[in-house]
Amino acid sequence: MEKHYTNPESEHEEHLAETQSPVGPEQNQPIEMNASQETGNDESSPSADREESTQESEQSASPSAVEGENNEAQDNAEDDERLTIPDVLPVLPLKDVVVYPFSVQPLGVGQERSIRLIDDVMRSDRRLVVLVAQKAADIEQAGPDDIFRIGTVARVGRMFRMPDGTLQIAVQGLERVVIGEFTQEKPYLAAQVSLKPDTQEADNETEAIKRNVISYFQRLITLVQNMPEGVAATTLNLEEPRQVVYVIATFVQMELELRQKLLELDSVREKLQNLSSFLAHELEIFELGKKIQTSAQEEMGKMQREYLLREQLKAIQRELGEESEEQATVNELRRKIEEARMPEEALKEANRELSRLEKLPTVSPEYSIIRTYLELLVSLPWDKSTGEKIDVPHARQVLDQDHYDLEKIKERILEYLAVRHLKEERKAEQLERAHEQDVTEEGVEVEDIRPTQPLQSQEEARSINREPILCFVGPPGVGKTSLGQSIARALGRKFARMSLGGIRDEAEIRGHRRTYIGAMPGRILQTLRRVDTNDPVIMLDEVDKVGADWRGDPSSALLEVLDPEQNFNFRDNYLDLPFDLSKVMFIATANALEPIPAPLRDRMEILELSGYTEEQKVHIARNYLLPKQLEANGLNKDELAIDDEVLRRIVRDYTREAGVRNLEREVGSLCRKVAKQISEGREAPIQVTAEQVPEYLGRQRFFEEAAERLDRPGIATGLVWTPVGGEIIFIEAAAMPGKEERLILTGQLGDVMKESATAALSYVRSNAAALGLPSNVFEGQAIHIHVPAGAIPKDGPSAGVTMVTVLVSLASKRKVRSDVAMTGEITLRGKVMPIGGVKEKVLAAYRSGIRTVIMPKKNEADLMEDLPKELREQMKFVFATDISEVLDTALEPIHNHHEKLSSAQDGTERPRRRKSEKAVAKA
């Protein structure tokens, strides 16, 4: 690397020195001078004569010249004993330069005192000067304390004056010297010096290190491209280790401290060791850099080759009249855009993105993003409908084939179809009349050309396409999802199902922004693209199990999807264009209404599926489940013979549910057992009777145990609603003497049920006389009310009448009838308030063998509407408005009046009085 230390424009000129380094070839070449290059100098001085004589013997800058000078240095060094120097020599400080023996280097001289020093040296006979490095390069006028004490005595070979007044000289290092006492400091430094020859070892170790250094240097030369030519050959011809050290150290780039250390070391072996370590380190760095550079060049070369090949391929395709792959992709997308019949806004956006795609190279990351976006645009069913012409009788036939009962659901669907059919017919007639009128006025029939979607007002389209948002609510297994499939078949549309249970990310509905990595449209648009129609029946399963967290609220995102007033303009975050969802018929399913947010629930029409009666289950098993399981298990219809009594026993003794999912499993288990018997060689058909059912399905799992459990006062049967159907519960009560009166509630009861228990106790104690109980009933006693199955949470107000009945039964010692179940909310006035879930509760009572149900009078209309007629005929219902009507029906009658007054155990009898209290009472 060239290092210049002079500034001709500054007042304080610097001394320039150029070091030998592998950066450029000119650094190791002596400066050539001729007479035409010298500046004008009228003085005829000895120095001028010496300059002329020097010019005659100048060597060129070629490697041969360098080698010649090095050979001359070797010849001079062969006879060290003949080298004599004066005791006092001028000292020339150098900045960042160390001149070694045997080396020839050009130097620039710019300081005034240095120029004078060189002029005086050139006037001398031997032209000797001591070259020594400064300790710090920022010192302008280096003194005795600013320079090292070990330097090199050198001979000034030639001198050339530059136009700016500086000097260019070529020096040849001769030998190491030690600088002693300085004899002068002005006008320049001069000091006593003495030769300090190196200690040369002539052993095998030194020779081995020398060869190692030469090998390192040869490898380094191959990695450094700007190394002067001939340097490798020069180093190979060196024999003395001392020459190897100084010549190689001259040509490699090192820090000043290391250069000076090599000069100061006396042992040639140590010099070689230090130089070997440095060269090994440099070689490792250069090889690593070469590897990185080669890898980068290979990668760039690969990309350039691919680019050239692509361009050549494009040129060949142009000559052959063929399209390139990129152009073919663009043309294909353009064709699909024209065929997609998009709305105006979507068409404009698609063309804009397509023009951007044409200008991007295929290697651009944005290319794939735009291409994926356009492929989504053209794959969406903007104007593709599959709905057949509505046929209401056919739809009724399909619904009856697929589902038994569910009359309310079927009636609502048929109403929708009938309304849609009439609207389409009336609209078609209106358009036909308008078309005939236009033809009559113009006299020319205009061809219907629609490049995009039909041009009709948005309001008219919405009036026809507005679809109902139905929500089927009911326990599992009652046929909610299969009912959606039947609706799609009745309408002649495609059916798609989306399970919403457990989703917590709003992007699942609305999609991700295109700026995100891995962005994709929401599940609504993905479903429409999959079914390839804009009017499918989409079943949104488990809408009551949608979660919410920091990623958003999916139920809120569903508001726009399920709102008929908004979903004609639904915007997905990925698509960022309005898409019409008004033609889609959404059907949601849920097990319970309470978890659904009120705004979302308000947008849907709620249709409840309560469950099936025993007769309905038998009918479903006979006509739907059994044929399905026979086919699933490889059986023919005539290979298994079972009657309705078998199915009824399976329903009654092996399943107790609102739906028919477990019933289907049990029927399937029976079919598998029969299939196994036939495979083992038993002859078909196989007749299964009701008595043989345990042989196929195992022991009986459910019993009508209500009558057995009500064996003492203080127990009553209640009815509750759960998300999986209605259930019966047993409420028990006990009274215990205690220091303080308190109410103990157990059974994992909710707040509402706890309040019902408290209200029931307050009513009984406040109306004891009217109920025929002692006025101090439960006085000084602790009342414990327990609801078994404590691991199941229970809540609701409908257990109020049951709580009152239990407490009255406990206090009066009258048992509650085992065949009676009750439900209803109680007030402190004794009024029975209406409740919900009537059908589910009645079905639960029926499944448990209870045939008498007490319920609020205001629920009579619900019962008559929801409960099948055959079930109403088999059961007895008592509609109560006051708690006295409940007690008259639920409690067993008392035949002896005295037994009624003295019925007293478990806390119902009056507490015993002390003797003093009895005396006062008698008085």
Foldseek 3Di string as FASTA:
>chain_A
DADAFADLVDPQGAWGFQFAALAALQFQFADQDDPVQADDDPDPALLVVLQHVLNVVDFGRALVSQLVLLVVLVVLQVCVVPDDDDQKAFEDEDEQYAADASGKGKIKGIGPLVVVSQVVLSNDDQSKYWYWYFPHRVDRQDDPVGTDQKGFIWHWRHWGAHPSGMIMTMIHTHAIKGFDAWPDPPPHTMTGIDGQHADEDDDPLLVVLLVLLLVLLVLVPVLRPNGHPPLNVSLVPDDGLSSNLNSSVRNHDDGSVLSVVLRPHRYSSVSSVSSSVVSVVVSVVSVVVVVVVVVVVVVVVVVVVVVVVLVVVCVVCVVVVHDDPLVVLLVVLVVLLQVLQAPPVLSVVLVVLSVVLVPDDPPDPVNVLSSVLSVLSSLFNQPFAQFDQADLVLLLVLLVQQDDDPVVVNVVLSVQSVVLNVLVVVVVVVVVVVQVVVCVVVVDRDDDDRSHDDDDDPVSVLVNLAAAAAEEEEAPAACQVVSLVSSQVNRRAAEEEDEQAPDAALCLAQWDASVDPPTDWHPVRVRSSVRSHLAHEYEYEALLRHHYDPNGGNLVVCLQVLASVRQCQDHRNHNRGGGGNSNYHYYYYHLDDVSRDPSSVVSHDYDYDAADFLVSLLVCCVSPLLVVLCVVQVHDPFQEDEDSLQLSCCCQFVDQFRHCPVVSVLSNQLSNVSSVVVVVPDDGNDYDYNVCSCVRRNDGDDALCLQVPQPWALKAKEWDADSGFIAIWIKGKFKAADQQEEEAEAQQEDPQVVVLLVLLVLLCQVCVVVLLADNCFSPRIYMYMYIPPSVDYYYDQFCNLVSNLSSSRRLQGWTWHSLEYETFHAGSVQFTHADDSVQRRLSNSVSSPRAEYEGAQVCPVVCVPPPDPVSPVRHHYHHDGGSVSVNVRTTDDDPDPVSRHPVDDRRNDDDDDDPVVVVVVVD
